Amino acid sequence: MPGDDQEIEEPENSTVDDWLGQNVAKDEQVADEALAEAGGDPAKAEKIFDEKATGQETYDEGRPD
């Protein structure tokens, strides 16, 4: 917050990989690769994505990859 001089303290086990945005970015890449692998067929790409994507599981487990 503007004007807030308090120092932010990270937990000891915090890593950059904890960020949800990074998991989303990884899954975006998997989605692009799945669509290419499926030859542009969205239904096939969805099946490939579901097999390879890990962001949701990582988020549900509450830990980085």
PDB file of N, CA and C in Angstrom:
ATOM      1  N   MET A   1       0.838  -1.177   0.000  1.00  0.00           N
ATOM      2  CA  MET A   1       0.000   0.000   0.000  1.00  0.00           C
ATOM      3  C   MET A   1       0.883   1.240   0.000  1.00  0.00           C
ATOM      4  N   PRO A   2       0.459   2.256  -0.704  1.00  0.00           N
ATOM      5  CA  PRO A   2       1.247   3.485  -0.700  1.00  0.00           C
ATOM      6  C   PRO A   2       1.375   4.044   0.709  1.00  0.00           C
ATOM      7  N   GLY A   3       2.571   4.438   1.058  1.00  0.00           N
ATOM      8  CA  GLY A   3       2.816   5.022   2.353  1.00  0.00           C
ATOM      9  C   GLY A   3       3.005   4.011   3.466  1.00  0.00           C
ATOM     10  N   ASP A   4       2.894   2.735   3.164  1.00  0.00           N
ATOM     11  CA  ASP A   4       3.070   1.689   4.176  1.00  0.00           C
ATOM     12  C   ASP A   4       4.540   1.312   4.226  1.00  0.00           C
ATOM     13  N   ASP A   5       5.204   1.618   5.329  1.00  0.00           N
ATOM     14  CA  ASP A   5       6.644   1.376   5.450  1.00  0.00           C
ATOM     15  C   ASP A   5       6.973   0.030   6.084  1.00  0.00           C
ATOM     16  N   GLN A   6       5.977  -0.810   6.319  1.00  0.00           N
ATOM     17  CA  GLN A   6       6.235  -2.107   6.938  1.00  0.00           C
ATOM     18  C   GLN A   6       6.924  -3.026   5.938  1.00  0.00           C
ATOM     19  N   GLU A   7       7.916  -3.744   6.435  1.00  0.00           N
ATOM     20  CA  GLU A   7       8.650  -4.679   5.597  1.00  0.00           C
ATOM     21  C   GLU A   7       7.835  -5.964   5.421  1.00  0.00           C
ATOM     22  N   ILE A   8       7.812  -6.478   4.214  1.00  0.00           N
ATOM     23  CA  ILE A   8       7.116  -7.727   3.942  1.00  0.00           C
ATOM     24  C   ILE A   8       8.023  -8.881   4.338  1.00  0.00           C
ATOM     25  N   GLU A   9       7.498  -9.804   5.122  1.00  0.00           N
ATOM     26  CA  GLU A   9       8.273 -10.962   5.554  1.00  0.00           C
ATOM     27  C   GLU A   9       7.761 -12.207   4.845  1.00  0.00           C
ATOM     28  N   GLU A  10       8.654 -12.867   4.129  1.00  0.00           N
ATOM     29  CA  GLU A  10       8.312 -14.100   3.429  1.00  0.00           C
ATOM     30  C   GLU A  10       8.481 -15.283   4.374  1.00  0.00           C
ATOM     31  N   PRO A  11       7.612 -16.290   4.278  1.00  0.00           N
ATOM     32  CA  PRO A  11       7.817 -17.487   5.084  1.00  0.00           C
ATOM     33  C   PRO A  11       9.100 -18.193   4.667  1.00  0.00           C
ATOM     34  N   GLU A  12       9.680 -18.976   5.578  1.00  0.00           N
ATOM     35  CA  GLU A  12      10.949 -19.646   5.297  1.00  0.00           C
ATOM     36  C   GLU A  12      10.869 -20.569   4.088  1.00  0.00           C
ATOM     37  N   ASN A  13       9.737 -21.214   3.878  1.00  0.00           N
ATOM     38  CA  ASN A  13       9.617 -22.177   2.788  1.00  0.00           C
ATOM     39  C   ASN A  13       9.074 -21.554   1.500  1.00  0.00           C
ATOM     40  N   SER A  14       8.997 -20.242   1.427  1.00  0.00           N
ATOM     41  CA  SER A  14       8.461 -19.565   0.252  1.00  0.00           C
ATOM     42  C   SER A  14       9.471 -19.583  -0.889  1.00  0.00           C
ATOM     43  N   THR A  15       8.989 -19.892  -2.078  1.00  0.00           N
ATOM     44  CA  THR A  15       9.823 -19.844  -3.269  1.00  0.00           C
ATOM     45  C   THR A  15       9.072 -19.116  -4.363  1.00  0.00           C
ATOM     46  N   VAL A  16       9.783 -18.695  -5.360  1.00  0.00           N
ATOM     47  CA  VAL A  16       9.162 -18.019  -6.492  1.00  0.00           C
ATOM     48  C   VAL A  16       8.191 -18.957  -7.199  1.00  0.00           C
ATOM     49  N   ASP A  17       8.463 -20.265  -7.170  1.00  0.00           N
ATOM     50  CA  ASP A  17       7.585 -21.230  -7.822  1.00  0.00           C
ATOM     51  C   ASP A  17       6.206 -21.315  -7.185  1.00  0.00           C
ATOM     52  N   ASP A  18       6.048 -20.733  -6.005  1.00  0.00           N
ATOM     53  CA  ASP A  18       4.751 -20.772  -5.336  1.00  0.00           C
ATOM     54  C   ASP A  18       3.709 -19.921  -6.068  1.00  0.00           C
ATOM     55  N   TRP A  19       4.136 -19.038  -6.894  1.00  0.00           N
ATOM     56  CA  TRP A  19       3.222 -18.098  -7.513  1.00  0.00           C
ATOM     57  C   TRP A  19       2.280 -18.793  -8.469  1.00  0.00           C
ATOM     58  N   LEU A  20       0.995 -18.561  -8.281  1.00  0.00           N
ATOM     59  CA  LEU A  20      -0.027 -19.133  -9.147  1.00  0.00           C
ATOM     60  C   LEU A  20       0.204 -18.725 -10.597  1.00  0.00           C
ATOM     61  N   GLY A  21       0.619 -17.492 -10.808  1.00  0.00           N
ATOM     62  CA  GLY A  21       0.837 -17.001 -12.169  1.00  0.00           C
ATOM     63  C   GLY A  21       1.855 -17.826 -12.931  1.00  0.00           C
ATOM     64  N   GLN A  22       2.864 -18.329 -12.240  1.00  0.00           N
ATOM     65  CA  GLN A  22       3.858 -19.151 -12.924  1.00  0.00           C
ATOM     66  C   GLN A  22       3.262 -20.484 -13.342  1.00  0.00           C
ATOM     67  N   ASN A  23       2.396 -21.047 -12.508  1.00  0.00           N
ATOM     68  CA  ASN A  23       1.750 -22.298 -12.877  1.00  0.00           C
ATOM     69  C   ASN A  23       0.807 -22.090 -14.054  1.00  0.00           C
ATOM     70  N   VAL A  24       0.128 -20.968 -14.068  1.00  0.00           N
ATOM     71  CA  VAL A  24      -0.762 -20.653 -15.180  1.00  0.00           C
ATOM     72  C   VAL A  24       0.043 -20.517 -16.468  1.00  0.00           C
ATOM     73  N   ALA A  25       1.172 -19.846 -16.393  1.00  0.00           N
ATOM     74  CA  ALA A  25       2.021 -19.662 -17.573  1.00  0.00           C
ATOM     75  C   ALA A  25       2.508 -21.006 -18.107  1.00  0.00           C
ATOM     76  N   LYS A  26       2.874 -21.907 -17.198  1.00  0.00           N
ATOM     77  CA  LYS A  26       3.315 -23.239 -17.623  1.00  0.00           C
ATOM     78  C   LYS A  26       2.179 -23.965 -18.339  1.00  0.00           C
ATOM     79  N   ASP A  27       0.969 -23.883 -17.788  1.00  0.00           N
ATOM     80  CA  ASP A  27      -0.162 -24.554 -18.406  1.00  0.00           C
ATOM     81  C   ASP A  27      -0.557 -23.902 -19.727  1.00  0.00           C
ATOM     82  N   GLU A  28      -0.336 -22.605 -19.868  1.00  0.00           N
ATOM     83  CA  GLU A  28      -0.584 -21.951 -21.157  1.00  0.00           C
ATOM     84  C   GLU A  28       0.333 -22.529 -22.226  1.00  0.00           C
ATOM     85  N   GLN A  29       1.575 -22.747 -21.850  1.00  0.00           N
ATOM     86  CA  GLN A  29       2.528 -23.337 -22.785  1.00  0.00           C
ATOM     87  C   GLN A  29       2.095 -24.761 -23.140  1.00  0.00           C
ATOM     88  N   VAL A  30       1.655 -25.522 -22.145  1.00  0.00           N
ATOM     89  CA  VAL A  30       1.176 -26.881 -22.401  1.00  0.00           C
ATOM     90  C   VAL A  30      -0.019 -26.842 -23.352  1.00  0.00           C
ATOM     91  N   ALA A  31      -0.914 -25.876 -23.177  1.00  0.00           N
ATOM     92  CA  ALA A  31      -2.084 -25.746 -24.047  1.00  0.00           C
ATOM     93  C   ALA A  31      -1.666 -25.470 -25.487  1.00  0.00           C
ATOM     94  N   ASP A  32      -0.712 -24.576 -25.674  1.00  0.00           N
ATOM     95  CA  ASP A  32      -0.221 -24.275 -27.023  1.00  0.00           C
ATOM     96  C   ASP A  32       0.406 -25.500 -27.668  1.00  0.00           C
ATOM     97  N   GLU A  33       1.204 -26.231 -26.882  1.00  0.00           N
ATOM     98  CA  GLU A  33       1.852 -27.436 -27.406  1.00  0.00           C
ATOM     99  C   GLU A  33       0.819 -28.520 -27.708  1.00  0.00           C
ATOM    100  N   ALA A  34      -0.200 -28.640 -26.880  1.00  0.00           N
ATOM    101  CA  ALA A  34      -1.248 -29.639 -27.092  1.00  0.00           C
ATOM    102  C   ALA A  34      -2.019 -29.354 -28.370  1.00  0.00           C
ATOM    103  N   LEU A  35      -2.320 -28.094 -28.630  1.00  0.00           N
ATOM    104  CA  LEU A  35      -3.046 -27.728 -29.849  1.00  0.00           C
ATOM    105  C   LEU A  35      -2.210 -28.034 -31.081  1.00  0.00           C
ATOM    106  N   ALA A  36      -0.916 -27.754 -31.005  1.00  0.00           N
ATOM    107  CA  ALA A  36      -0.023 -28.064 -32.127  1.00  0.00           C
ATOM    108  C   ALA A  36       0.061 -29.573 -32.333  1.00  0.00           C
ATOM    109  N   GLU A  37       0.199 -30.312 -31.235  1.00  0.00           N
ATOM    110  CA  GLU A  37       0.293 -31.774 -31.314  1.00  0.00           C
ATOM    111  C   GLU A  37      -0.989 -32.385 -31.879  1.00  0.00           C
ATOM    112  N   ALA A  38      -2.128 -31.766 -31.580  1.00  0.00           N
ATOM    113  CA  ALA A  38      -3.426 -32.260 -32.037  1.00  0.00           C
ATOM    114  C   ALA A  38      -3.753 -31.796 -33.451  1.00  0.00           C
ATOM    115  N   GLY A  39      -2.825 -31.101 -34.089  1.00  0.00           N
ATOM    116  CA  GLY A  39      -3.064 -30.632 -35.453  1.00  0.00           C
ATOM    117  C   GLY A  39      -4.169 -29.607 -35.549  1.00  0.00           C
ATOM    118  N   GLY A  40      -4.386 -28.863 -34.470  1.00  0.00           N
ATOM    119  CA  GLY A  40      -5.398 -27.811 -34.471  1.00  0.00           C
ATOM    120  C   GLY A  40      -6.772 -28.269 -34.028  1.00  0.00           C
ATOM    121  N   ASP A  41      -6.940 -29.539 -33.721  1.00  0.00           N
ATOM    122  CA  ASP A  41      -8.235 -30.070 -33.276  1.00  0.00           C
ATOM    123  C   ASP A  41      -8.420 -29.772 -31.791  1.00  0.00           C
ATOM    124  N   PRO A  42      -9.370 -28.870 -31.449  1.00  0.00           N
ATOM    125  CA  PRO A  42      -9.541 -28.472 -30.048  1.00  0.00           C
ATOM    126  C   PRO A  42      -9.921 -29.624 -29.117  1.00  0.00           C
ATOM    127  N   ALA A  43     -10.731 -30.561 -29.581  1.00  0.00           N
ATOM    128  CA  ALA A  43     -11.144 -31.684 -28.728  1.00  0.00           C
ATOM    129  C   ALA A  43      -9.945 -32.572 -28.387  1.00  0.00           C
ATOM    130  N   LYS A  44      -9.123 -32.854 -29.377  1.00  0.00           N
ATOM    131  CA  LYS A  44      -7.920 -33.657 -29.133  1.00  0.00           C
ATOM    132  C   LYS A  44      -6.945 -32.890 -28.236  1.00  0.00           C
ATOM    133  N   ALA A  45      -6.818 -31.605 -28.495  1.00  0.00           N
ATOM    134  CA  ALA A  45      -5.921 -30.769 -27.705  1.00  0.00           C
ATOM    135  C   ALA A  45      -6.343 -30.749 -26.242  1.00  0.00           C
ATOM    136  N   GLU A  46      -7.639 -30.716 -25.994  1.00  0.00           N
ATOM    137  CA  GLU A  46      -8.128 -30.707 -24.615  1.00  0.00           C
ATOM    138  C   GLU A  46      -7.735 -31.992 -23.888  1.00  0.00           C
ATOM    139  N   LYS A  47      -7.845 -33.117 -24.561  1.00  0.00           N
ATOM    140  CA  LYS A  47      -7.461 -34.397 -23.948  1.00  0.00           C
ATOM    141  C   LYS A  47      -5.961 -34.424 -23.642  1.00  0.00           C
ATOM    142  N   ILE A  48      -5.168 -33.953 -24.592  1.00  0.00           N
ATOM    143  CA  ILE A  48      -3.711 -33.906 -24.391  1.00  0.00           C
ATOM    144  C   ILE A  48      -3.376 -32.976 -23.231  1.00  0.00           C
ATOM    145  N   PHE A  49      -4.022 -31.814 -23.210  1.00  0.00           N
ATOM    146  CA  PHE A  49      -3.786 -30.842 -22.137  1.00  0.00           C
ATOM    147  C   PHE A  49      -4.108 -31.452 -20.775  1.00  0.00           C
ATOM    148  N   ASP A  50      -5.265 -32.123 -20.681  1.00  0.00           N
ATOM    149  CA  ASP A  50      -5.670 -32.714 -19.405  1.00  0.00           C
ATOM    150  C   ASP A  50      -4.669 -33.746 -18.903  1.00  0.00           C
ATOM    151  N   GLU A  51      -3.998 -34.418 -19.815  1.00  0.00           N
ATOM    152  CA  GLU A  51      -2.995 -35.412 -19.438  1.00  0.00           C
ATOM    153  C   GLU A  51      -1.682 -34.776 -18.981  1.00  0.00           C
ATOM    154  N   LYS A  52      -1.342 -33.626 -19.550  1.00  0.00           N
ATOM    155  CA  LYS A  52      -0.016 -33.039 -19.327  1.00  0.00           C
ATOM    156  C   LYS A  52       0.014 -31.850 -18.372  1.00  0.00           C
ATOM    157  N   ALA A  53      -1.064 -31.116 -18.244  1.00  0.00           N
ATOM    158  CA  ALA A  53      -1.073 -29.898 -17.428  1.00  0.00           C
ATOM    159  C   ALA A  53      -0.982 -30.246 -15.947  1.00  0.00           C
ATOM    160  N   THR A  54      -0.246 -29.437 -15.192  1.00  0.00           N
ATOM    161  CA  THR A  54      -0.059 -29.701 -13.769  1.00  0.00           C
ATOM    162  C   THR A  54      -0.452 -28.538 -12.869  1.00  0.00           C
ATOM    163  N   GLY A  55      -0.812 -27.418 -13.424  1.00  0.00           N
ATOM    164  CA  GLY A  55      -1.093 -26.229 -12.609  1.00  0.00           C
ATOM    165  C   GLY A  55      -2.185 -26.425 -11.587  1.00  0.00           C
ATOM    166  N   GLN A  56      -3.304 -27.034 -11.968  1.00  0.00           N
ATOM    167  CA  GLN A  56      -4.408 -27.214 -11.038  1.00  0.00           C
ATOM    168  C   GLN A  56      -4.010 -28.128  -9.889  1.00  0.00           C
ATOM    169  N   GLU A  57      -3.326 -29.222 -10.201  1.00  0.00           N
ATOM    170  CA  GLU A  57      -2.918 -30.135  -9.144  1.00  0.00           C
ATOM    171  C   GLU A  57      -1.945 -29.456  -8.192  1.00  0.00           C
ATOM    172  N   THR A  58      -1.014 -28.691  -8.752  1.00  0.00           N
ATOM    173  CA  THR A  58      -0.046 -27.980  -7.918  1.00  0.00           C
ATOM    174  C   THR A  58      -0.764 -26.994  -7.009  1.00  0.00           C
ATOM    175  N   TYR A  59      -1.733 -26.285  -7.556  1.00  0.00           N
ATOM    176  CA  TYR A  59      -2.487 -25.312  -6.783  1.00  0.00           C
ATOM    177  C   TYR A  59      -3.281 -26.022  -5.678  1.00  0.00           C
ATOM    178  N   ASP A  60      -3.941 -27.131  -6.029  1.00  0.00           N
ATOM    179  CA  ASP A  60      -4.736 -27.875  -5.059  1.00  0.00           C
ATOM    180  C   ASP A  60      -3.878 -28.413  -3.918  1.00  0.00           C
ATOM    181  N   GLU A  61      -2.662 -28.855  -4.233  1.00  0.00           N
ATOM    182  CA  GLU A  61      -1.773 -29.391  -3.212  1.00  0.00           C
ATOM    183  C   GLU A  61      -1.131 -28.305  -2.369  1.00  0.00           C
ATOM    184  N   GLY A  62      -1.158 -27.070  -2.868  1.00  0.00           N
ATOM    185  CA  GLY A  62      -0.596 -25.955  -2.130  1.00  0.00           C
ATOM    186  C   GLY A  62       0.908 -25.934  -2.071  1.00  0.00           C
ATOM    187  N   ARG A  63       1.547 -26.448  -3.101  1.00  0.00           N
ATOM    188  CA  ARG A  63       3.010 -26.460  -3.133  1.00  0.00           C
ATOM    189  C   ARG A  63       3.480 -26.309  -4.575  1.00  0.00           C
ATOM    190  N   PRO A  64       4.721 -25.884  -4.758  1.00  0.00           N
ATOM    191  CA  PRO A  64       5.255 -25.746  -6.112  1.00  0.00           C
ATOM    192  C   PRO A  64       5.562 -27.100  -6.724  1.00  0.00           C
ATOM    193  N   ASP A  65       5.820 -27.095  -8.042  1.00  0.00           N
ATOM    194  CA  ASP A  65       6.215 -28.329  -8.756  1.00  0.00           C
ATOM    195  C   ASP A  65       7.459 -28.911  -8.160  1.00  0.00           C
TER     196      ASP A  65
END
